Amino acid sequence: MTRLDDRRLIALARSVIEADEKAVHAALEAVDEAFVQVARLLSGAEGKVLVTGCGTSGAIAARAAHMLSVCGCPAFYLSPDDGLHGGLGVLQPSDLLIAVSKGGGPTAVYN
């Protein structure tokens, strides 16, 4: 493995931080009325939150369920396959469902 000199290592670290900065800044566009609607639904949820997704989206969904749980919002991850084979029976009328999709299709909030 080639060892990077100090200047190259600093430049590489700065480029990674700049890319992260751009990604965070791009997320500003997602903060709109739908964002507020989802935040209000989550903060007022009386039941639990099921988060689902498959593949890379499933990994993100599992992480989101974990983060919601440690923040005091009862949440869990269920793979779509398990949902199709009876796992959705755990849902109650007061529960919320978040489906994560890499495709980036339209966001829908149903109440």
PDB file of N, CA and C in Angstrom:
ATOM      1  N   MET A   1       0.847  -1.176   0.000  1.00  0.00           N
ATOM      2  CA  MET A   1       0.000   0.000   0.000  1.00  0.00           C
ATOM      3  C   MET A   1       0.896   1.244   0.000  1.00  0.00           C
ATOM      4  N   THR A   2       0.540   2.207  -0.829  1.00  0.00           N
ATOM      5  CA  THR A   2       1.325   3.428  -0.945  1.00  0.00           C
ATOM      6  C   THR A   2       1.013   4.360   0.212  1.00  0.00           C
ATOM      7  N   ARG A   3       2.046   4.904   0.780  1.00  0.00           N
ATOM      8  CA  ARG A   3       1.881   5.850   1.880  1.00  0.00           C
ATOM      9  C   ARG A   3       1.719   7.248   1.307  1.00  0.00           C
ATOM     10  N   LEU A   4       0.680   7.963   1.764  1.00  0.00           N
ATOM     11  CA  LEU A   4       0.433   9.329   1.306  1.00  0.00           C
ATOM     12  C   LEU A   4       1.305  10.298   2.076  1.00  0.00           C
ATOM     13  N   ASP A   5       1.821  11.310   1.364  1.00  0.00           N
ATOM     14  CA  ASP A   5       2.558  12.338   2.092  1.00  0.00           C
ATOM     15  C   ASP A   5       1.553  13.220   2.831  1.00  0.00           C
ATOM     16  N   ASP A   6       2.053  14.018   3.759  1.00  0.00           N
ATOM     17  CA  ASP A   6       1.176  14.806   4.627  1.00  0.00           C
ATOM     18  C   ASP A   6       0.268  15.743   3.839  1.00  0.00           C
ATOM     19  N   ARG A   7       0.804  16.432   2.832  1.00  0.00           N
ATOM     20  CA  ARG A   7      -0.018  17.374   2.054  1.00  0.00           C
ATOM     21  C   ARG A   7      -1.149  16.657   1.330  1.00  0.00           C
ATOM     22  N   ARG A   8      -0.850  15.498   0.754  1.00  0.00           N
ATOM     23  CA  ARG A   8      -1.880  14.727   0.033  1.00  0.00           C
ATOM     24  C   ARG A   8      -2.941  14.217   0.995  1.00  0.00           C
ATOM     25  N   LEU A   9      -2.535  13.786   2.180  1.00  0.00           N
ATOM     26  CA  LEU A   9      -3.472  13.305   3.182  1.00  0.00           C
ATOM     27  C   LEU A   9      -4.395  14.438   3.650  1.00  0.00           C
ATOM     28  N   ILE A  10      -3.838  15.612   3.878  1.00  0.00           N
ATOM     29  CA  ILE A  10      -4.636  16.780   4.278  1.00  0.00           C
ATOM     30  C   ILE A  10      -5.628  17.136   3.165  1.00  0.00           C
ATOM     31  N   ALA A  11      -5.166  17.147   1.925  1.00  0.00           N
ATOM     32  CA  ALA A  11      -6.042  17.475   0.792  1.00  0.00           C
ATOM     33  C   ALA A  11      -7.175  16.461   0.673  1.00  0.00           C
ATOM     34  N   LEU A  12      -6.864  15.198   0.864  1.00  0.00           N
ATOM     35  CA  LEU A  12      -7.875  14.153   0.783  1.00  0.00           C
ATOM     36  C   LEU A  12      -8.916  14.309   1.894  1.00  0.00           C
ATOM     37  N   ALA A  13      -8.464  14.554   3.108  1.00  0.00           N
ATOM     38  CA  ALA A  13      -9.377  14.753   4.239  1.00  0.00           C
ATOM     39  C   ALA A  13     -10.279  15.962   3.996  1.00  0.00           C
ATOM     40  N   ARG A  14      -9.714  17.035   3.476  1.00  0.00           N
ATOM     41  CA  ARG A  14     -10.512  18.231   3.198  1.00  0.00           C
ATOM     42  C   ARG A  14     -11.551  17.970   2.109  1.00  0.00           C
ATOM     43  N   SER A  15     -11.185  17.183   1.099  1.00  0.00           N
ATOM     44  CA  SER A  15     -12.150  16.903   0.029  1.00  0.00           C
ATOM     45  C   SER A  15     -13.314  16.054   0.541  1.00  0.00           C
ATOM     46  N   VAL A  16     -13.034  15.132   1.456  1.00  0.00           N
ATOM     47  CA  VAL A  16     -14.101  14.329   2.053  1.00  0.00           C
ATOM     48  C   VAL A  16     -15.033  15.220   2.870  1.00  0.00           C
ATOM     49  N   ILE A  17     -14.479  16.123   3.661  1.00  0.00           N
ATOM     50  CA  ILE A  17     -15.286  17.035   4.475  1.00  0.00           C
ATOM     51  C   ILE A  17     -16.109  17.956   3.584  1.00  0.00           C
ATOM     52  N   GLU A  18     -15.528  18.440   2.484  1.00  0.00           N
ATOM     53  CA  GLU A  18     -16.268  19.294   1.550  1.00  0.00           C
ATOM     54  C   GLU A  18     -17.418  18.531   0.900  1.00  0.00           C
ATOM     55  N   ALA A  19     -17.215  17.272   0.554  1.00  0.00           N
ATOM     56  CA  ALA A  19     -18.288  16.458  -0.027  1.00  0.00           C
ATOM     57  C   ALA A  19     -19.411  16.256   0.987  1.00  0.00           C
ATOM     58  N   ASP A  20     -19.042  16.018   2.244  1.00  0.00           N
ATOM     59  CA  ASP A  20     -20.045  15.878   3.300  1.00  0.00           C
ATOM     60  C   ASP A  20     -20.818  17.180   3.480  1.00  0.00           C
ATOM     61  N   GLU A  21     -20.111  18.301   3.426  1.00  0.00           N
ATOM     62  CA  GLU A  21     -20.752  19.609   3.558  1.00  0.00           C
ATOM     63  C   GLU A  21     -21.793  19.804   2.453  1.00  0.00           C
ATOM     64  N   LYS A  22     -21.450  19.451   1.235  1.00  0.00           N
ATOM     65  CA  LYS A  22     -22.382  19.589   0.113  1.00  0.00           C
ATOM     66  C   LYS A  22     -23.602  18.697   0.307  1.00  0.00           C
ATOM     67  N   ALA A  23     -23.399  17.490   0.800  1.00  0.00           N
ATOM     68  CA  ALA A  23     -24.514  16.572   1.020  1.00  0.00           C
ATOM     69  C   ALA A  23     -25.457  17.095   2.099  1.00  0.00           C
ATOM     70  N   VAL A  24     -24.900  17.628   3.177  1.00  0.00           N
ATOM     71  CA  VAL A  24     -25.731  18.189   4.245  1.00  0.00           C
ATOM     72  C   VAL A  24     -26.482  19.415   3.729  1.00  0.00           C
ATOM     73  N   HIS A  25     -25.809  20.255   2.982  1.00  0.00           N
ATOM     74  CA  HIS A  25     -26.448  21.450   2.427  1.00  0.00           C
ATOM     75  C   HIS A  25     -27.578  21.067   1.465  1.00  0.00           C
ATOM     76  N   ALA A  26     -27.388  20.024   0.680  1.00  0.00           N
ATOM     77  CA  ALA A  26     -28.428  19.572  -0.252  1.00  0.00           C
ATOM     78  C   ALA A  26     -29.671  19.090   0.489  1.00  0.00           C
ATOM     79  N   ALA A  27     -29.502  18.618   1.718  1.00  0.00           N
ATOM     80  CA  ALA A  27     -30.641  18.147   2.509  1.00  0.00           C
ATOM     81  C   ALA A  27     -31.575  19.288   2.896  1.00  0.00           C
ATOM     82  N   LEU A  28     -31.116  20.518   2.812  1.00  0.00           N
ATOM     83  CA  LEU A  28     -31.970  21.663   3.136  1.00  0.00           C
ATOM     84  C   LEU A  28     -33.226  21.688   2.286  1.00  0.00           C
ATOM     85  N   GLU A  29     -33.133  21.228   1.051  1.00  0.00           N
ATOM     86  CA  GLU A  29     -34.282  21.219   0.150  1.00  0.00           C
ATOM     87  C   GLU A  29     -35.388  20.290   0.649  1.00  0.00           C
ATOM     88  N   ALA A  30     -35.044  19.308   1.455  1.00  0.00           N
ATOM     89  CA  ALA A  30     -36.031  18.359   1.955  1.00  0.00           C
ATOM     90  C   ALA A  30     -36.806  18.902   3.152  1.00  0.00           C
ATOM     91  N   VAL A  31     -36.389  20.019   3.703  1.00  0.00           N
ATOM     92  CA  VAL A  31     -37.081  20.599   4.856  1.00  0.00           C
ATOM     93  C   VAL A  31     -38.189  21.502   4.312  1.00  0.00           C
ATOM     94  N   ASP A  32     -39.394  20.928   4.272  1.00  0.00           N
ATOM     95  CA  ASP A  32     -40.549  21.640   3.742  1.00  0.00           C
ATOM     96  C   ASP A  32     -41.780  21.259   4.564  1.00  0.00           C
ATOM     97  N   GLU A  33     -42.966  21.492   4.026  1.00  0.00           N
ATOM     98  CA  GLU A  33     -44.197  21.197   4.752  1.00  0.00           C
ATOM     99  C   GLU A  33     -44.340  19.701   5.049  1.00  0.00           C
ATOM    100  N   ALA A  34     -43.914  18.854   4.124  1.00  0.00           N
ATOM    101  CA  ALA A  34     -43.987  17.406   4.360  1.00  0.00           C
ATOM    102  C   ALA A  34     -43.087  17.011   5.534  1.00  0.00           C
ATOM    103  N   PHE A  35     -41.924  17.636   5.635  1.00  0.00           N
ATOM    104  CA  PHE A  35     -41.016  17.385   6.758  1.00  0.00           C
ATOM    105  C   PHE A  35     -41.710  17.710   8.078  1.00  0.00           C
ATOM    106  N   VAL A  36     -42.369  18.861   8.134  1.00  0.00           N
ATOM    107  CA  VAL A  36     -43.070  19.278   9.349  1.00  0.00           C
ATOM    108  C   VAL A  36     -44.204  18.306   9.659  1.00  0.00           C
ATOM    109  N   GLN A  37     -44.931  17.872   8.631  1.00  0.00           N
ATOM    110  CA  GLN A  37     -46.030  16.933   8.827  1.00  0.00           C
ATOM    111  C   GLN A  37     -45.530  15.624   9.423  1.00  0.00           C
ATOM    112  N   VAL A  38     -44.424  15.113   8.905  1.00  0.00           N
ATOM    113  CA  VAL A  38     -43.857  13.865   9.424  1.00  0.00           C
ATOM    114  C   VAL A  38     -43.344  14.073  10.852  1.00  0.00           C
ATOM    115  N   ALA A  39     -42.686  15.181  11.116  1.00  0.00           N
ATOM    116  CA  ALA A  39     -42.189  15.460  12.469  1.00  0.00           C
ATOM    117  C   ALA A  39     -43.342  15.515  13.464  1.00  0.00           C
ATOM    118  N   ARG A  40     -44.441  16.143  13.071  1.00  0.00           N
ATOM    119  CA  ARG A  40     -45.609  16.218  13.970  1.00  0.00           C
ATOM    120  C   ARG A  40     -46.220  14.832  14.186  1.00  0.00           C
ATOM    121  N   LEU A  41     -46.304  14.030  13.118  1.00  0.00           N
ATOM    122  CA  LEU A  41     -46.832  12.671  13.276  1.00  0.00           C
ATOM    123  C   LEU A  41     -45.972  11.850  14.230  1.00  0.00           C
ATOM    124  N   LEU A  42     -44.657  11.940  14.059  1.00  0.00           N
ATOM    125  CA  LEU A  42     -43.759  11.168  14.919  1.00  0.00           C
ATOM    126  C   LEU A  42     -43.814  11.643  16.370  1.00  0.00           C
ATOM    127  N   SER A  43     -43.847  12.954  16.569  1.00  0.00           N
ATOM    128  CA  SER A  43     -43.846  13.463  17.948  1.00  0.00           C
ATOM    129  C   SER A  43     -45.168  13.205  18.658  1.00  0.00           C
ATOM    130  N   GLY A  44     -46.241  13.061  17.895  1.00  0.00           N
ATOM    131  CA  GLY A  44     -47.540  12.817  18.509  1.00  0.00           C
ATOM    132  C   GLY A  44     -48.005  11.377  18.417  1.00  0.00           C
ATOM    133  N   ALA A  45     -47.151  10.500  17.948  1.00  0.00           N
ATOM    134  CA  ALA A  45     -47.543   9.097  17.763  1.00  0.00           C
ATOM    135  C   ALA A  45     -47.914   8.457  19.089  1.00  0.00           C
ATOM    136  N   GLU A  46     -49.046   7.791  19.090  1.00  0.00           N
ATOM    137  CA  GLU A  46     -49.487   7.088  20.295  1.00  0.00           C
ATOM    138  C   GLU A  46     -49.056   5.628  20.278  1.00  0.00           C
ATOM    139  N   GLY A  47     -48.756   5.123  19.092  1.00  0.00           N
ATOM    140  CA  GLY A  47     -48.328   3.727  18.957  1.00  0.00           C
ATOM    141  C   GLY A  47     -46.848   3.643  18.671  1.00  0.00           C
ATOM    142  N   LYS A  48     -46.475   2.589  17.992  1.00  0.00           N
ATOM    143  CA  LYS A  48     -45.079   2.369  17.637  1.00  0.00           C
ATOM    144  C   LYS A  48     -44.868   2.712  16.165  1.00  0.00           C
ATOM    145  N   VAL A  49     -43.608   2.770  15.762  1.00  0.00           N
ATOM    146  CA  VAL A  49     -43.251   3.089  14.384  1.00  0.00           C
ATOM    147  C   VAL A  49     -42.556   1.877  13.777  1.00  0.00           C
ATOM    148  N   LEU A  50     -43.098   1.386  12.670  1.00  0.00           N
ATOM    149  CA  LEU A  50     -42.464   0.311  11.929  1.00  0.00           C
ATOM    150  C   LEU A  50     -41.717   0.954  10.774  1.00  0.00           C
ATOM    151  N   VAL A  51     -40.447   0.636  10.631  1.00  0.00           N
ATOM    152  CA  VAL A  51     -39.630   1.174   9.538  1.00  0.00           C
ATOM    153  C   VAL A  51     -39.206  -0.008   8.670  1.00  0.00           C
ATOM    154  N   THR A  52     -39.385   0.126   7.348  1.00  0.00           N
ATOM    155  CA  THR A  52     -39.086  -0.979   6.450  1.00  0.00           C
ATOM    156  C   THR A  52     -38.347  -0.509   5.210  1.00  0.00           C
ATOM    157  N   GLY A  53     -37.649  -1.412   4.584  1.00  0.00           N
ATOM    158  CA  GLY A  53     -36.919  -1.166   3.349  1.00  0.00           C
ATOM    159  C   GLY A  53     -36.078  -2.403   3.071  1.00  0.00           C
ATOM    160  N   CYS A  54     -35.647  -2.578   1.823  1.00  0.00           N
ATOM    161  CA  CYS A  54     -34.817  -3.739   1.513  1.00  0.00           C
ATOM    162  C   CYS A  54     -33.514  -3.302   0.854  1.00  0.00           C
ATOM    163  N   GLY A  55     -32.520  -4.165   0.915  1.00  0.00           N
ATOM    164  CA  GLY A  55     -31.213  -3.827   0.368  1.00  0.00           C
ATOM    165  C   GLY A  55     -30.573  -2.703   1.163  1.00  0.00           C
ATOM    166  N   THR A  56     -29.957  -1.762   0.452  1.00  0.00           N
ATOM    167  CA  THR A  56     -29.339  -0.607   1.102  1.00  0.00           C
ATOM    168  C   THR A  56     -30.378   0.182   1.885  1.00  0.00           C
ATOM    169  N   SER A  57     -31.566   0.324   1.316  1.00  0.00           N
ATOM    170  CA  SER A  57     -32.653   1.031   2.008  1.00  0.00           C
ATOM    171  C   SER A  57     -33.027   0.320   3.301  1.00  0.00           C
ATOM    172  N   GLY A  58     -32.917  -1.003   3.319  1.00  0.00           N
ATOM    173  CA  GLY A  58     -33.191  -1.754   4.533  1.00  0.00           C
ATOM    174  C   GLY A  58     -32.185  -1.461   5.629  1.00  0.00           C
ATOM    175  N   ALA A  59     -30.925  -1.312   5.246  1.00  0.00           N
ATOM    176  CA  ALA A  59     -29.892  -0.957   6.233  1.00  0.00           C
ATOM    177  C   ALA A  59     -30.175   0.423   6.814  1.00  0.00           C
ATOM    178  N   ILE A  60     -30.572   1.359   5.958  1.00  0.00           N
ATOM    179  CA  ILE A  60     -30.919   2.705   6.422  1.00  0.00           C
ATOM    180  C   ILE A  60     -32.160   2.646   7.312  1.00  0.00           C
ATOM    181  N   ALA A  61     -33.155   1.843   6.912  1.00  0.00           N
ATOM    182  CA  ALA A  61     -34.390   1.708   7.688  1.00  0.00           C
ATOM    183  C   ALA A  61     -34.104   1.128   9.072  1.00  0.00           C
ATOM    184  N   ALA A  62     -33.250   0.118   9.129  1.00  0.00           N
ATOM    185  CA  ALA A  62     -32.903  -0.481  10.423  1.00  0.00           C
ATOM    186  C   ALA A  62     -32.213   0.537  11.317  1.00  0.00           C
ATOM    187  N   ARG A  63     -31.333   1.327  10.731  1.00  0.00           N
ATOM    188  CA  ARG A  63     -30.642   2.370  11.501  1.00  0.00           C
ATOM    189  C   ARG A  63     -31.625   3.430  11.981  1.00  0.00           C
ATOM    190  N   ALA A  64     -32.574   3.812  11.111  1.00  0.00           N
ATOM    191  CA  ALA A  64     -33.578   4.810  11.488  1.00  0.00           C
ATOM    192  C   ALA A  64     -34.441   4.297  12.640  1.00  0.00           C
ATOM    193  N   ALA A  65     -34.838   3.025  12.573  1.00  0.00           N
ATOM    194  CA  ALA A  65     -35.635   2.448  13.660  1.00  0.00           C
ATOM    195  C   ALA A  65     -34.858   2.473  14.974  1.00  0.00           C
ATOM    196  N   HIS A  66     -33.583   2.154  14.902  1.00  0.00           N
ATOM    197  CA  HIS A  66     -32.740   2.189  16.104  1.00  0.00           C
ATOM    198  C   HIS A  66     -32.650   3.606  16.658  1.00  0.00           C
ATOM    199  N   MET A  67     -32.414   4.581  15.775  1.00  0.00           N
ATOM    200  CA  MET A  67     -32.284   5.971  16.240  1.00  0.00           C
ATOM    201  C   MET A  67     -33.590   6.472  16.853  1.00  0.00           C
ATOM    202  N   LEU A  68     -34.720   6.140  16.246  1.00  0.00           N
ATOM    203  CA  LEU A  68     -36.004   6.535  16.828  1.00  0.00           C
ATOM    204  C   LEU A  68     -36.176   5.916  18.213  1.00  0.00           C
ATOM    205  N   SER A  69     -35.817   4.645  18.340  1.00  0.00           N
ATOM    206  CA  SER A  69     -35.958   3.952  19.629  1.00  0.00           C
ATOM    207  C   SER A  69     -35.122   4.587  20.727  1.00  0.00           C
ATOM    208  N   VAL A  70     -33.869   4.912  20.412  1.00  0.00           N
ATOM    209  CA  VAL A  70     -33.012   5.490  21.452  1.00  0.00           C
ATOM    210  C   VAL A  70     -33.404   6.922  21.780  1.00  0.00           C
ATOM    211  N   CYS A  71     -34.221   7.523  20.928  1.00  0.00           N
ATOM    212  CA  CYS A  71     -34.732   8.877  21.199  1.00  0.00           C
ATOM    213  C   CYS A  71     -36.055   8.834  21.951  1.00  0.00           C
ATOM    214  N   GLY A  72     -36.503   7.646  22.311  1.00  0.00           N
ATOM    215  CA  GLY A  72     -37.723   7.519  23.094  1.00  0.00           C
ATOM    216  C   GLY A  72     -38.978   7.241  22.287  1.00  0.00           C
ATOM    217  N   CYS A  73     -38.849   7.030  21.003  1.00  0.00           N
ATOM    218  CA  CYS A  73     -39.998   6.718  20.148  1.00  0.00           C
ATOM    219  C   CYS A  73     -39.989   5.208  19.888  1.00  0.00           C
ATOM    220  N   PRO A  74     -40.976   4.478  20.375  1.00  0.00           N
ATOM    221  CA  PRO A  74     -40.974   3.021  20.165  1.00  0.00           C
ATOM    222  C   PRO A  74     -40.983   2.697  18.667  1.00  0.00           C
ATOM    223  N   ALA A  75     -39.910   2.111  18.170  1.00  0.00           N
ATOM    224  CA  ALA A  75     -39.786   1.821  16.742  1.00  0.00           C
ATOM    225  C   ALA A  75     -39.051   0.501  16.556  1.00  0.00           C
ATOM    226  N   PHE A  76     -39.332  -0.141  15.419  1.00  0.00           N
ATOM    227  CA  PHE A  76     -38.631  -1.372  15.091  1.00  0.00           C
ATOM    228  C   PHE A  76     -38.543  -1.510  13.578  1.00  0.00           C
ATOM    229  N   TYR A  77     -37.607  -2.329  13.139  1.00  0.00           N
ATOM    230  CA  TYR A  77     -37.407  -2.601  11.721  1.00  0.00           C
ATOM    231  C   TYR A  77     -38.049  -3.930  11.368  1.00  0.00           C
ATOM    232  N   LEU A  78     -38.695  -3.976  10.207  1.00  0.00           N
ATOM    233  CA  LEU A  78     -39.239  -5.219   9.681  1.00  0.00           C
ATOM    234  C   LEU A  78     -38.947  -5.247   8.193  1.00  0.00           C
ATOM    235  N   SER A  79     -38.309  -6.312   7.718  1.00  0.00           N
ATOM    236  CA  SER A  79     -38.015  -6.403   6.294  1.00  0.00           C
ATOM    237  C   SER A  79     -39.313  -6.587   5.515  1.00  0.00           C
ATOM    238  N   PRO A  80     -39.376  -6.086   4.277  1.00  0.00           N
ATOM    239  CA  PRO A  80     -40.581  -6.263   3.475  1.00  0.00           C
ATOM    240  C   PRO A  80     -40.947  -7.743   3.286  1.00  0.00           C
ATOM    241  N   ASP A  81     -39.938  -8.611   3.159  1.00  0.00           N
ATOM    242  CA  ASP A  81     -40.206 -10.041   3.012  1.00  0.00           C
ATOM    243  C   ASP A  81     -40.949 -10.592   4.231  1.00  0.00           C
ATOM    244  N   ASP A  82     -40.480 -10.223   5.411  1.00  0.00           N
ATOM    245  CA  ASP A  82     -41.139 -10.684   6.627  1.00  0.00           C
ATOM    246  C   ASP A  82     -42.540 -10.086   6.745  1.00  0.00           C
ATOM    247  N   GLY A  83     -42.698  -8.864   6.266  1.00  0.00           N
ATOM    248  CA  GLY A  83     -44.017  -8.239   6.279  1.00  0.00           C
ATOM    249  C   GLY A  83     -45.004  -8.988   5.408  1.00  0.00           C
ATOM    250  N   LEU A  84     -44.545  -9.456   4.260  1.00  0.00           N
ATOM    251  CA  LEU A  84     -45.412 -10.209   3.346  1.00  0.00           C
ATOM    252  C   LEU A  84     -45.801 -11.576   3.907  1.00  0.00           C
ATOM    253  N   HIS A  85     -45.007 -12.074   4.827  1.00  0.00           N
ATOM    254  CA  HIS A  85     -45.259 -13.414   5.373  1.00  0.00           C
ATOM    255  C   HIS A  85     -45.836 -13.353   6.784  1.00  0.00           C
ATOM    256  N   GLY A  86     -46.613 -12.315   7.061  1.00  0.00           N
ATOM    257  CA  GLY A  86     -47.335 -12.252   8.326  1.00  0.00           C
ATOM    258  C   GLY A  86     -46.819 -11.265   9.342  1.00  0.00           C
ATOM    259  N   GLY A  87     -45.635 -10.696   9.130  1.00  0.00           N
ATOM    260  CA  GLY A  87     -45.060  -9.784  10.115  1.00  0.00           C
ATOM    261  C   GLY A  87     -45.853  -8.507  10.311  1.00  0.00           C
ATOM    262  N   LEU A  88     -46.647  -8.120   9.324  1.00  0.00           N
ATOM    263  CA  LEU A  88     -47.438  -6.891   9.455  1.00  0.00           C
ATOM    264  C   LEU A  88     -48.582  -7.043  10.442  1.00  0.00           C
ATOM    265  N   GLY A  89     -48.838  -8.263  10.899  1.00  0.00           N
ATOM    266  CA  GLY A  89     -49.888  -8.490  11.887  1.00  0.00           C
ATOM    267  C   GLY A  89     -49.634  -7.784  13.196  1.00  0.00           C
ATOM    268  N   VAL A  90     -48.424  -7.327  13.409  1.00  0.00           N
ATOM    269  CA  VAL A  90     -48.069  -6.637  14.645  1.00  0.00           C
ATOM    270  C   VAL A  90     -48.619  -5.208  14.679  1.00  0.00           C
ATOM    271  N   LEU A  91     -48.970  -4.655  13.508  1.00  0.00           N
ATOM    272  CA  LEU A  91     -49.424  -3.267  13.444  1.00  0.00           C
ATOM    273  C   LEU A  91     -50.821  -3.078  14.027  1.00  0.00           C
ATOM    274  N   GLN A  92     -50.991  -1.947  14.693  1.00  0.00           N
ATOM    275  CA  GLN A  92     -52.272  -1.532  15.266  1.00  0.00           C
ATOM    276  C   GLN A  92     -52.669  -0.209  14.619  1.00  0.00           C
ATOM    277  N   PRO A  93     -53.951   0.191  14.725  1.00  0.00           N
ATOM    278  CA  PRO A  93     -54.400   1.442  14.089  1.00  0.00           C
ATOM    279  C   PRO A  93     -53.619   2.691  14.519  1.00  0.00           C
ATOM    280  N   SER A  94     -53.065   2.705  15.711  1.00  0.00           N
ATOM    281  CA  SER A  94     -52.344   3.894  16.193  1.00  0.00           C
ATOM    282  C   SER A  94     -50.867   3.901  15.780  1.00  0.00           C
ATOM    283  N   ASP A  95     -50.406   2.881  15.070  1.00  0.00           N
ATOM    284  CA  ASP A  95     -49.003   2.772  14.665  1.00  0.00           C
ATOM    285  C   ASP A  95     -48.740   3.547  13.374  1.00  0.00           C
ATOM    286  N   LEU A  96     -47.468   3.872  13.165  1.00  0.00           N
ATOM    287  CA  LEU A  96     -47.024   4.540  11.945  1.00  0.00           C
ATOM    288  C   LEU A  96     -46.110   3.611  11.167  1.00  0.00           C
ATOM    289  N   LEU A  97     -46.063   3.805   9.854  1.00  0.00           N
ATOM    290  CA  LEU A  97     -45.196   3.018   8.989  1.00  0.00           C
ATOM    291  C   LEU A  97     -44.342   3.964   8.171  1.00  0.00           C
ATOM    292  N   ILE A  98     -43.033   3.729   8.182  1.00  0.00           N
ATOM    293  CA  ILE A  98     -42.106   4.477   7.334  1.00  0.00           C
ATOM    294  C   ILE A  98     -41.461   3.474   6.396  1.00  0.00           C
ATOM    295  N   ALA A  99     -41.650   3.684   5.082  1.00  0.00           N
ATOM    296  CA  ALA A  99     -41.044   2.817   4.077  1.00  0.00           C
ATOM    297  C   ALA A  99     -39.930   3.594   3.391  1.00  0.00           C
ATOM    298  N   VAL A 100     -38.716   3.070   3.445  1.00  0.00           N
ATOM    299  CA  VAL A 100     -37.551   3.733   2.864  1.00  0.00           C
ATOM    300  C   VAL A 100     -37.283   3.115   1.495  1.00  0.00           C
ATOM    301  N   SER A 101     -37.125   3.983   0.485  1.00  0.00           N
ATOM    302  CA  SER A 101     -36.895   3.521  -0.876  1.00  0.00           C
ATOM    303  C   SER A 101     -35.740   4.283  -1.495  1.00  0.00           C
ATOM    304  N   LYS A 102     -34.804   3.568  -2.053  1.00  0.00           N
ATOM    305  CA  LYS A 102     -33.676   4.213  -2.716  1.00  0.00           C
ATOM    306  C   LYS A 102     -34.110   4.910  -3.998  1.00  0.00           C
ATOM    307  N   GLY A 103     -35.220   4.472  -4.573  1.00  0.00           N
ATOM    308  CA  GLY A 103     -35.712   5.029  -5.823  1.00  0.00           C
ATOM    309  C   GLY A 103     -36.062   6.496  -5.748  1.00  0.00           C
ATOM    310  N   GLY A 104     -36.315   6.983  -4.557  1.00  0.00           N
ATOM    311  CA  GLY A 104     -36.596   8.410  -4.406  1.00  0.00           C
ATOM    312  C   GLY A 104     -37.927   8.852  -4.963  1.00  0.00           C
ATOM    313  N   GLY A 105     -38.888   7.963  -4.959  1.00  0.00           N
ATOM    314  CA  GLY A 105     -40.214   8.305  -5.451  1.00  0.00           C
ATOM    315  C   GLY A 105     -40.878   9.334  -4.563  1.00  0.00           C
ATOM    316  N   PRO A 106     -42.089   9.728  -4.936  1.00  0.00           N
ATOM    317  CA  PRO A 106     -42.806  10.755  -4.169  1.00  0.00           C
ATOM    318  C   PRO A 106     -43.002  10.346  -2.722  1.00  0.00           C
ATOM    319  N   THR A 107     -42.968  11.321  -1.857  1.00  0.00           N
ATOM    320  CA  THR A 107     -43.216  11.092  -0.439  1.00  0.00           C
ATOM    321  C   THR A 107     -44.709  11.205  -0.187  1.00  0.00           C
ATOM    322  N   ALA A 108     -45.251  10.265   0.522  1.00  0.00           N
ATOM    323  CA  ALA A 108     -46.669  10.309   0.855  1.00  0.00           C
ATOM    324  C   ALA A 108     -46.818  10.132   2.355  1.00  0.00           C
ATOM    325  N   VAL A 109     -47.670  10.933   2.931  1.00  0.00           N
ATOM    326  CA  VAL A 109     -47.968  10.817   4.357  1.00  0.00           C
ATOM    327  C   VAL A 109     -49.457  10.533   4.464  1.00  0.00           C
ATOM    328  N   TYR A 110     -49.771   9.384   5.035  1.00  0.00           N
ATOM    329  CA  TYR A 110     -51.169   9.003   5.214  1.00  0.00           C
ATOM    330  C   TYR A 110     -51.477   9.007   6.699  1.00  0.00           C
ATOM    331  N   ASN A 111     -52.612   9.508   7.047  1.00  0.00           N
ATOM    332  CA  ASN A 111     -52.997   9.566   8.448  1.00  0.00           C
ATOM    333  C   ASN A 111     -54.278   8.808   8.642  1.00  0.00           C
TER     334      ASN A 111
END
